[in-house]
Amino acid sequence: LPAGLSQWFPALEVLDVSGTGLTEMGTELLSLPCLHTLLAKNNRLGGPGSLPKGLGQAPLARSLRVLNLSGNRFSEVPPALLQLRGLRSLSLGGNRLHGIPPDIQELQSLEFLYLGGNFITAIPPELAKLPSLRYLVLCDNKIQSIPPQLAQLHSLRSLSLHNNLLTYLPREILNLVHLDELSLRGNPLVVRFVRDLTYNPPSLQELAGRTIKTRNIPYTPSDLPESLVRYLSLASNCPNPKCGGVYFDSCVRQIKFVDFCGKYRLPLMHYLCSPECSSPFSSASQSSTSQSESDSEDEASVAAHRMQKVLLG
């Protein structure tokens, strides 16, 4: 940064030095008591001395609200940044970070945290101790699991986790009741889910077998080859009471949450005969069938809407 900056612009509030090839920011930065926004994207910061010493004790530590250091070469979150207690927005995307320091919890005023496009493998539970955090972006990393403590981020509105290595989500994530956006695309859990939803059309043999079973066409072992008689004996009834069909090898897997003993909601796997056979079936509880089916239809609609937001988020 040019010498005398604080003398020329003592009341400077916004400083943008993005894309200027900077390798370090000098002590002149410390003498800008009114600076609230510092943008230094797409430079070469990240080596020793990239940030001025005493950053955490300077007036800047109290005035700075927005700091964007995305597109640089930081391999770790500089400890000095964790002393900027007034910071509300911190962006370190597209760097070389391999982790998030537990001391991130010191940034109690933080509302926006962007760490996408790094090499982060784990999320420290301490991240959940940011009471004001509303937007958390951790996409395009190598994260394999989400700590259940993340459910303590009660102010969180948007959580971006796409393009990671997640195979599951902790049940506690359901406690994020104010969450409006959850992005999970490009993770094994979503890729596997979408793959499991694929439906292979039934073969001609299965179509014929379904016709024989659903229309109750009579036959005897002497009418058909032994292999076909054995095949027809393997027919499974579709659990959808509105369908009455059967299936052999080609079916659609569906997760259904059902009542159990009037207390629990259990996720059970069901197999339907075709994608069109999507009408809900009665709950496992022995309650009123019509009421159960009505509730299930509402739940299915809500679940589909939520899943769409998750997959497309």
Foldseek 3Di string as FASTA:
>chain_A
DDPCPCVVCLQDAEEAPAPVQQAADEPVVLRNLQHAYYHHEQHAYADPRRYYPPLLVGSCLANHAYYAHANYAHQDDPPSNLSSQNYAEYAHAHYAHQEHDLSVLSNQNHAYYHHDHYAHAEHDLSVLNRANHAYYAHDHYAHAADDLSVLSNQNYAEYHHAQYAYQDYDPSVVSNVNHNAAEHHNYNNVVVVVVLQDWDDDDPLFVVLQVCVQVVPDDDPVRDPPVSVVQSVQWDFAQAPVPRTTGGPTWGWDWDFADDPNPGTDTDIGTGRDPVSPQDFAGPDPDDRVVRSVVRVVVVVVVVVVVVSHHVD
